[in-house]
PDB file of N, CA and C in Angstrom:
ATOM      1  N   MET A   1      -8.681  49.636  16.957  1.00  0.00           N
ATOM      2  CA  MET A   1      -9.806  49.391  18.149  1.00  0.00           C
ATOM      3  C   MET A   1     -10.993  49.799  17.187  1.00  0.00           C
ATOM      4  N   ALA A   2     -12.451  48.726  17.450  1.00  0.00           N
ATOM      5  CA  ALA A   2     -13.227  49.109  16.465  1.00  0.00           C
ATOM      6  C   ALA A   2     -14.422  49.554  17.734  1.00  0.00           C
ATOM      7  N   VAL A   3     -14.614  50.696  17.379  1.00  0.00           N
ATOM      8  CA  VAL A   3     -15.504  51.443  18.441  1.00  0.00           C
ATOM      9  C   VAL A   3     -16.922  52.154  17.393  1.00  0.00           C
ATOM     10  N   ASP A   4     -17.720  52.467  18.036  1.00  0.00           N
ATOM     11  CA  ASP A   4     -18.656  53.297  17.138  1.00  0.00           C
ATOM     12  C   ASP A   4     -18.418  54.466  16.720  1.00  0.00           C
ATOM     13  N   ASN A   5     -18.852  55.044  15.942  1.00  0.00           N
ATOM     14  CA  ASN A   5     -18.585  56.356  15.386  1.00  0.00           C
ATOM     15  C   ASN A   5     -19.702  57.204  15.749  1.00  0.00           C
ATOM     16  N   ASP A   6     -19.284  57.769  16.993  1.00  0.00           N
ATOM     17  CA  ASP A   6     -20.321  58.260  17.366  1.00  0.00           C
ATOM     18  C   ASP A   6     -19.588  59.439  18.735  1.00  0.00           C
ATOM     19  N   GLU A   7     -19.755  60.386  19.315  1.00  0.00           N
ATOM     20  CA  GLU A   7     -19.172  60.951  19.863  1.00  0.00           C
ATOM     21  C   GLU A   7     -18.393  60.445  21.037  1.00  0.00           C
ATOM     22  N   ALA A   8     -19.403  59.688  21.550  1.00  0.00           N
ATOM     23  CA  ALA A   8     -18.671  58.790  22.814  1.00  0.00           C
ATOM     24  C   ALA A   8     -17.351  58.010  22.242  1.00  0.00           C
ATOM     25  N   GLY A   9     -17.829  57.373  21.139  1.00  0.00           N
ATOM     26  CA  GLY A   9     -16.231  56.593  20.469  1.00  0.00           C
ATOM     27  C   GLY A   9     -15.201  57.404  20.114  1.00  0.00           C
ATOM     28  N   ARG A  10     -15.373  58.596  19.309  1.00  0.00           N
ATOM     29  CA  ARG A  10     -14.547  59.534  19.316  1.00  0.00           C
ATOM     30  C   ARG A  10     -13.853  59.646  20.517  1.00  0.00           C
ATOM     31  N   GLU A  11     -14.547  60.325  21.211  1.00  0.00           N
ATOM     32  CA  GLU A  11     -14.063  60.890  22.465  1.00  0.00           C
ATOM     33  C   GLU A  11     -12.890  59.614  23.106  1.00  0.00           C
ATOM     34  N   PHE A  12     -13.213  58.324  23.208  1.00  0.00           N
ATOM     35  CA  PHE A  12     -12.743  57.313  24.009  1.00  0.00           C
ATOM     36  C   PHE A  12     -11.654  57.319  23.008  1.00  0.00           C
ATOM     37  N   CYS A  13     -11.453  57.282  21.908  1.00  0.00           N
ATOM     38  CA  CYS A  13     -10.277  57.148  20.778  1.00  0.00           C
ATOM     39  C   CYS A  13      -9.071  58.559  21.242  1.00  0.00           C
ATOM     40  N   GLN A  14      -9.710  59.262  21.411  1.00  0.00           N
ATOM     41  CA  GLN A  14      -9.057  60.659  21.408  1.00  0.00           C
ATOM     42  C   GLN A  14      -8.325  60.281  23.095  1.00  0.00           C
ATOM     43  N   LYS A  15      -8.709  60.018  24.111  1.00  0.00           N
ATOM     44  CA  LYS A  15      -8.347  60.029  25.531  1.00  0.00           C
ATOM     45  C   LYS A  15      -7.267  59.336  25.238  1.00  0.00           C
ATOM     46  N   LEU A  16      -7.447  57.855  24.858  1.00  0.00           N
ATOM     47  CA  LEU A  16      -6.432  56.888  24.799  1.00  0.00           C
ATOM     48  C   LEU A  16      -5.473  57.503  23.661  1.00  0.00           C
ATOM     49  N   SER A  17      -5.313  57.911  22.723  1.00  0.00           N
ATOM     50  CA  SER A  17      -4.656  58.675  21.944  1.00  0.00           C
ATOM     51  C   SER A  17      -3.489  59.863  22.798  1.00  0.00           C
ATOM     52  N   ASP A  18      -4.522  60.509  23.225  1.00  0.00           N
ATOM     53  CA  ASP A  18      -3.690  61.845  24.258  1.00  0.00           C
ATOM     54  C   ASP A  18      -2.606  61.196  25.475  1.00  0.00           C
ATOM     55  N   LYS A  19      -3.239  59.832  25.997  1.00  0.00           N
ATOM     56  CA  LYS A  19      -2.292  59.048  27.042  1.00  0.00           C
ATOM     57  C   LYS A  19      -1.214  58.483  26.368  1.00  0.00           C
ATOM     58  N   GLY A  20      -0.725  58.450  24.856  1.00  0.00           N
ATOM     59  CA  GLY A  20       0.066  58.191  24.420  1.00  0.00           C
ATOM     60  C   GLY A  20      -0.136  56.366  24.144  1.00  0.00           C
ATOM     61  N   VAL A  21      -1.174  56.170  24.023  1.00  0.00           N
ATOM     62  CA  VAL A  21      -1.739  54.458  23.759  1.00  0.00           C
ATOM     63  C   VAL A  21      -1.795  54.447  21.993  1.00  0.00           C
ATOM     64  N   GLN A  22      -0.895  54.063  21.590  1.00  0.00           N
ATOM     65  CA  GLN A  22      -1.236  54.004  19.489  1.00  0.00           C
ATOM     66  C   GLN A  22      -2.377  52.967  19.276  1.00  0.00           C
ATOM     67  N   ILE A  23      -3.112  53.273  18.947  1.00  0.00           N
ATOM     68  CA  ILE A  23      -3.750  52.531  18.451  1.00  0.00           C
ATOM     69  C   ILE A  23      -4.508  52.801  17.472  1.00  0.00           C
ATOM     70  N   SER A  24      -5.090  51.984  16.397  1.00  0.00           N
ATOM     71  CA  SER A  24      -5.614  51.916  14.643  1.00  0.00           C
ATOM     72  C   SER A  24      -7.158  52.189  15.176  1.00  0.00           C
ATOM     73  N   GLN A  25      -7.491  52.789  14.904  1.00  0.00           N
ATOM     74  CA  GLN A  25      -9.679  53.354  14.407  1.00  0.00           C
ATOM     75  C   GLN A  25      -9.678  52.559  13.423  1.00  0.00           C
ATOM     76  N   ASP A  26     -10.791  51.680  13.923  1.00  0.00           N
ATOM     77  CA  ASP A  26     -11.955  51.200  12.697  1.00  0.00           C
ATOM     78  C   ASP A  26     -12.956  51.527  13.363  1.00  0.00           C
ATOM     79  N   LEU A  27     -13.276  53.336  12.716  1.00  0.00           N
ATOM     80  CA  LEU A  27     -14.552  53.619  12.770  1.00  0.00           C
ATOM     81  C   LEU A  27     -15.844  53.151  11.715  1.00  0.00           C
ATOM     82  N   PRO A  28     -16.853  52.810  11.924  1.00  0.00           N
ATOM     83  CA  PRO A  28     -17.833  52.286  10.513  1.00  0.00           C
ATOM     84  C   PRO A  28     -18.041  53.816   9.717  1.00  0.00           C
ATOM     85  N   LEU A  29     -18.286  53.648   8.560  1.00  0.00           N
ATOM     86  CA  LEU A  29     -18.545  55.017   7.949  1.00  0.00           C
ATOM     87  C   LEU A  29     -19.597  55.795   8.354  1.00  0.00           C
ATOM     88  N   LEU A  30     -19.974  56.900   8.275  1.00  0.00           N
ATOM     89  CA  LEU A  30     -21.104  57.858   8.554  1.00  0.00           C
ATOM     90  C   LEU A  30     -21.712  57.573   6.907  1.00  0.00           C
ATOM     91  N   GLN A  31     -23.086  57.835   6.987  1.00  0.00           N
ATOM     92  CA  GLN A  31     -23.814  57.677   5.549  1.00  0.00           C
ATOM     93  C   GLN A  31     -24.689  59.212   5.660  1.00  0.00           C
ATOM     94  N   GLY A  32     -24.141  59.745   4.565  1.00  0.00           N
ATOM     95  CA  GLY A  32     -25.653  60.485   4.457  1.00  0.00           C
ATOM     96  C   GLY A  32     -25.044  62.270   5.269  1.00  0.00           C
ATOM     97  N   LEU A  33     -26.177  62.209   6.030  1.00  0.00           N
ATOM     98  CA  LEU A  33     -26.103  63.202   6.828  1.00  0.00           C
ATOM     99  C   LEU A  33     -26.020  62.239   8.753  1.00  0.00           C
ATOM    100  N   GLU A  34     -25.409  61.263   8.264  1.00  0.00           N
ATOM    101  CA  GLU A  34     -25.333  60.615   9.866  1.00  0.00           C
ATOM    102  C   GLU A  34     -24.740  61.339  10.976  1.00  0.00           C
ATOM    103  N   THR A  35     -24.466  61.415  11.985  1.00  0.00           N
ATOM    104  CA  THR A  35     -23.321  61.949  12.938  1.00  0.00           C
ATOM    105  C   THR A  35     -22.870  60.995  13.501  1.00  0.00           C
ATOM    106  N   LYS A  36     -23.605  59.756  13.403  1.00  0.00           N
ATOM    107  CA  LYS A  36     -22.878  58.695  14.059  1.00  0.00           C
ATOM    108  C   LYS A  36     -23.353  57.050  13.785  1.00  0.00           C
ATOM    109  N   SER A  37     -22.925  56.774  13.888  1.00  0.00           N
ATOM    110  CA  SER A  37     -22.686  54.864  13.111  1.00  0.00           C
ATOM    111  C   SER A  37     -22.604  53.858  13.961  1.00  0.00           C
ATOM    112  N   ASP A  38     -23.178  53.055  14.213  1.00  0.00           N
ATOM    113  CA  ASP A  38     -22.745  51.515  15.322  1.00  0.00           C
ATOM    114  C   ASP A  38     -22.325  50.345  14.233  1.00  0.00           C
ATOM    115  N   TRP A  39     -21.657  49.595  14.929  1.00  0.00           N
ATOM    116  CA  TRP A  39     -20.963  48.474  14.375  1.00  0.00           C
ATOM    117  C   TRP A  39     -22.043  47.392  14.523  1.00  0.00           C
ATOM    118  N   ASN A  40     -22.974  47.619  15.395  1.00  0.00           N
ATOM    119  CA  ASN A  40     -23.950  46.461  15.233  1.00  0.00           C
ATOM    120  C   ASN A  40     -25.220  46.766  14.175  1.00  0.00           C
ATOM    121  N   ASP A  41     -25.440  47.560  13.702  1.00  0.00           N
ATOM    122  CA  ASP A  41     -26.478  48.239  12.775  1.00  0.00           C
ATOM    123  C   ASP A  41     -25.467  47.648  11.300  1.00  0.00           C
ATOM    124  N   ILE A  42     -24.174  47.929  11.522  1.00  0.00           N
ATOM    125  CA  ILE A  42     -23.878  47.749   9.936  1.00  0.00           C
ATOM    126  C   ILE A  42     -24.005  45.739   9.626  1.00  0.00           C
ATOM    127  N   VAL A  43     -23.449  45.604  11.076  1.00  0.00           N
ATOM    128  CA  VAL A  43     -23.663  44.024  10.724  1.00  0.00           C
ATOM    129  C   VAL A  43     -24.820  43.328  10.516  1.00  0.00           C
ATOM    130  N   LYS A  44     -25.857  43.997  11.199  1.00  0.00           N
ATOM    131  CA  LYS A  44     -27.229  43.307  10.958  1.00  0.00           C
ATOM    132  C   LYS A  44     -27.849  43.877   9.531  1.00  0.00           C
ATOM    133  N   ARG A  45     -27.392  44.402   9.547  1.00  0.00           N
ATOM    134  CA  ARG A  45     -27.739  45.155   7.669  1.00  0.00           C
ATOM    135  C   ARG A  45     -26.437  43.933   6.846  1.00  0.00           C
ATOM    136  N   GLN A  46     -25.714  43.824   6.813  1.00  0.00           N
ATOM    137  CA  GLN A  46     -24.891  42.791   6.071  1.00  0.00           C
ATOM    138  C   GLN A  46     -25.768  41.612   6.225  1.00  0.00           C
ATOM    139  N   LYS A  47     -26.176  41.235   7.216  1.00  0.00           N
ATOM    140  CA  LYS A  47     -27.010  40.115   7.426  1.00  0.00           C
ATOM    141  C   LYS A  47     -28.150  39.856   6.515  1.00  0.00           C
ATOM    142  N   GLU A  48     -28.522  41.046   6.501  1.00  0.00           N
ATOM    143  CA  GLU A  48     -30.332  41.219   5.636  1.00  0.00           C
ATOM    144  C   GLU A  48     -29.841  41.186   4.063  1.00  0.00           C
ATOM    145  N   LEU A  49     -28.679  41.580   3.994  1.00  0.00           N
ATOM    146  CA  LEU A  49     -28.397  41.868   2.235  1.00  0.00           C
ATOM    147  C   LEU A  49     -27.599  40.620   2.077  1.00  0.00           C
ATOM    148  N   SER A  50     -27.124  39.858   2.973  1.00  0.00           N
ATOM    149  CA  SER A  50     -26.563  38.366   2.570  1.00  0.00           C
ATOM    150  C   SER A  50     -28.227  37.368   2.370  1.00  0.00           C
ATOM    151  N   LEU A  51     -28.795  37.937   3.659  1.00  0.00           N
ATOM    152  CA  LEU A  51     -30.279  36.830   3.460  1.00  0.00           C
ATOM    153  C   LEU A  51     -30.979  37.190   2.543  1.00  0.00           C
ATOM    154  N   ARG A  52     -31.045  38.426   1.845  1.00  0.00           N
ATOM    155  CA  ARG A  52     -31.568  38.695   0.944  1.00  0.00           C
ATOM    156  C   ARG A  52     -30.977  37.991  -0.449  1.00  0.00           C
ATOM    157  N   ASP A  53     -29.840  38.271  -0.586  1.00  0.00           N
ATOM    158  CA  ASP A  53     -28.989  37.675  -1.910  1.00  0.00           C
ATOM    159  C   ASP A  53     -29.073  36.048  -1.843  1.00  0.00           C
ATOM    160  N   LEU A  54     -29.251  35.427  -0.851  1.00  0.00           N
ATOM    161  CA  LEU A  54     -29.175  33.417  -1.002  1.00  0.00           C
ATOM    162  C   LEU A  54     -30.753  33.130  -0.946  1.00  0.00           C
ATOM    163  N   ILE A  55     -31.865  34.276  -0.844  1.00  0.00           N
ATOM    164  CA  ILE A  55     -32.809  33.863  -1.140  1.00  0.00           C
ATOM    165  C   ILE A  55     -33.044  34.032  -2.460  1.00  0.00           C
ATOM    166  N   GLN A  56     -32.450  35.310  -3.246  1.00  0.00           N
ATOM    167  CA  GLN A  56     -33.030  35.608  -4.565  1.00  0.00           C
ATOM    168  C   GLN A  56     -32.108  34.766  -5.298  1.00  0.00           C
ATOM    169  N   SER A  57     -30.536  33.990  -5.096  1.00  0.00           N
ATOM    170  CA  SER A  57     -30.264  33.438  -5.786  1.00  0.00           C
ATOM    171  C   SER A  57     -31.074  31.544  -5.665  1.00  0.00           C
ATOM    172  N   ALA A  58     -31.731  31.326  -4.820  1.00  0.00           N
ATOM    173  CA  ALA A  58     -32.038  30.299  -4.724  1.00  0.00           C
ATOM    174  C   ALA A  58     -33.554  30.405  -5.438  1.00  0.00           C
ATOM    175  N   GLN A  59     -33.823  31.278  -5.427  1.00  0.00           N
ATOM    176  CA  GLN A  59     -35.467  31.101  -6.503  1.00  0.00           C
ATOM    177  C   GLN A  59     -34.850  31.016  -8.054  1.00  0.00           C
ATOM    178  N   THR A  60     -33.692  31.532  -8.354  1.00  0.00           N
ATOM    179  CA  THR A  60     -33.273  31.629  -9.287  1.00  0.00           C
ATOM    180  C   THR A  60     -32.916  30.419 -10.332  1.00  0.00           C
ATOM    181  N   LYS A  61     -32.084  29.699  -9.270  1.00  0.00           N
ATOM    182  CA  LYS A  61     -31.904  27.924  -9.139  1.00  0.00           C
ATOM    183  C   LYS A  61     -33.108  27.614  -9.342  1.00  0.00           C
ATOM    184  N   VAL A  62     -34.024  27.914  -8.601  1.00  0.00           N
ATOM    185  CA  VAL A  62     -35.155  26.991  -8.777  1.00  0.00           C
ATOM    186  C   VAL A  62     -35.721  27.033  -9.946  1.00  0.00           C
ATOM    187  N   ILE A  63     -36.090  28.019 -10.712  1.00  0.00           N
ATOM    188  CA  ILE A  63     -37.075  28.646 -11.991  1.00  0.00           C
ATOM    189  C   ILE A  63     -35.978  28.025 -12.982  1.00  0.00           C
ATOM    190  N   ARG A  64     -34.610  28.008 -12.792  1.00  0.00           N
ATOM    191  CA  ARG A  64     -33.535  27.663 -13.645  1.00  0.00           C
ATOM    192  C   ARG A  64     -33.575  26.004 -14.120  1.00  0.00           C
ATOM    193  N   ASP A  65     -33.843  25.207 -12.787  1.00  0.00           N
ATOM    194  CA  ASP A  65     -33.632  23.826 -12.799  1.00  0.00           C
ATOM    195  C   ASP A  65     -35.185  23.554 -13.040  1.00  0.00           C
ATOM    196  N   HIS A  66     -36.299  24.053 -13.078  1.00  0.00           N
ATOM    197  CA  HIS A  66     -37.647  23.614 -12.860  1.00  0.00           C
ATOM    198  C   HIS A  66     -38.253  24.593 -13.459  1.00  0.00           C
ATOM    199  N   PRO A  67     -38.007  25.083 -14.424  1.00  0.00           N
ATOM    200  CA  PRO A  67     -39.001  26.232 -15.736  1.00  0.00           C
ATOM    201  C   PRO A  67     -40.194  25.412 -15.328  1.00  0.00           C
ATOM    202  N   PRO A  68     -41.336  26.548 -15.257  1.00  0.00           N
ATOM    203  CA  PRO A  68     -42.982  26.370 -15.831  1.00  0.00           C
ATOM    204  C   PRO A  68     -43.036  25.689 -16.833  1.00  0.00           C
ATOM    205  N   PRO A  69     -43.993  25.361 -17.250  1.00  0.00           N
ATOM    206  CA  PRO A  69     -44.076  24.625 -18.671  1.00  0.00           C
ATOM    207  C   PRO A  69     -44.814  25.407 -19.650  1.00  0.00           C
ATOM    208  N   LYS A  70     -43.929  24.987 -20.543  1.00  0.00           N
ATOM    209  CA  LYS A  70     -44.285  26.118 -21.923  1.00  0.00           C
ATOM    210  C   LYS A  70     -46.077  25.590 -21.986  1.00  0.00           C
ATOM    211  N   ARG A  71     -46.380  26.899 -22.714  1.00  0.00           N
ATOM    212  CA  ARG A  71     -48.090  26.734 -22.989  1.00  0.00           C
ATOM    213  C   ARG A  71     -48.277  27.164 -24.661  1.00  0.00           C
ATOM    214  N   GLU A  72     -48.135  26.388 -25.559  1.00  0.00           N
ATOM    215  CA  GLU A  72     -48.643  26.679 -26.829  1.00  0.00           C
ATOM    216  C   GLU A  72     -49.705  27.165 -27.033  1.00  0.00           C
ATOM    217  N   HIS A  73     -50.196  28.185 -27.675  1.00  0.00           N
ATOM    218  CA  HIS A  73     -51.498  29.008 -28.171  1.00  0.00           C
ATOM    219  C   HIS A  73     -51.450  28.701 -29.220  1.00  0.00           C
ATOM    220  N   ALA A  74     -52.521  27.650 -29.891  1.00  0.00           N
ATOM    221  CA  ALA A  74     -53.103  27.567 -30.974  1.00  0.00           C
ATOM    222  C   ALA A  74     -54.405  28.512 -31.423  1.00  0.00           C
ATOM    223  N   LEU A  75     -54.592  28.559 -32.301  1.00  0.00           N
ATOM    224  CA  LEU A  75     -56.078  29.432 -32.773  1.00  0.00           C
ATOM    225  C   LEU A  75     -56.500  28.074 -33.814  1.00  0.00           C
ATOM    226  N   GLU A  76     -57.682  27.693 -33.344  1.00  0.00           N
ATOM    227  CA  GLU A  76     -58.345  26.930 -34.671  1.00  0.00           C
ATOM    228  C   GLU A  76     -59.588  28.090 -35.428  1.00  0.00           C
ATOM    229  N   LEU A  77     -59.047  27.375 -36.943  1.00  0.00           N
ATOM    230  CA  LEU A  77     -59.834  28.316 -37.613  1.00  0.00           C
ATOM    231  C   LEU A  77     -60.954  27.624 -38.261  1.00  0.00           C
TER     232      LEU A  77
END
């Protein structure tokens, strides 16, 4: 079962377990001092990271494929 890692989610899993229902819990990990973790927040963070990585790799490819013109500096004497 994938439930939020909060008091309600943990109680839900415990109640099922108390009734003899065999479940495999999949709770999102708590970060730092968090007391709850929500799967929706995990998915949103992952999408943000994926989009950020996609944009960064696209920018790198554009710069690699179309480098800015090189400017030569010459001093006239």
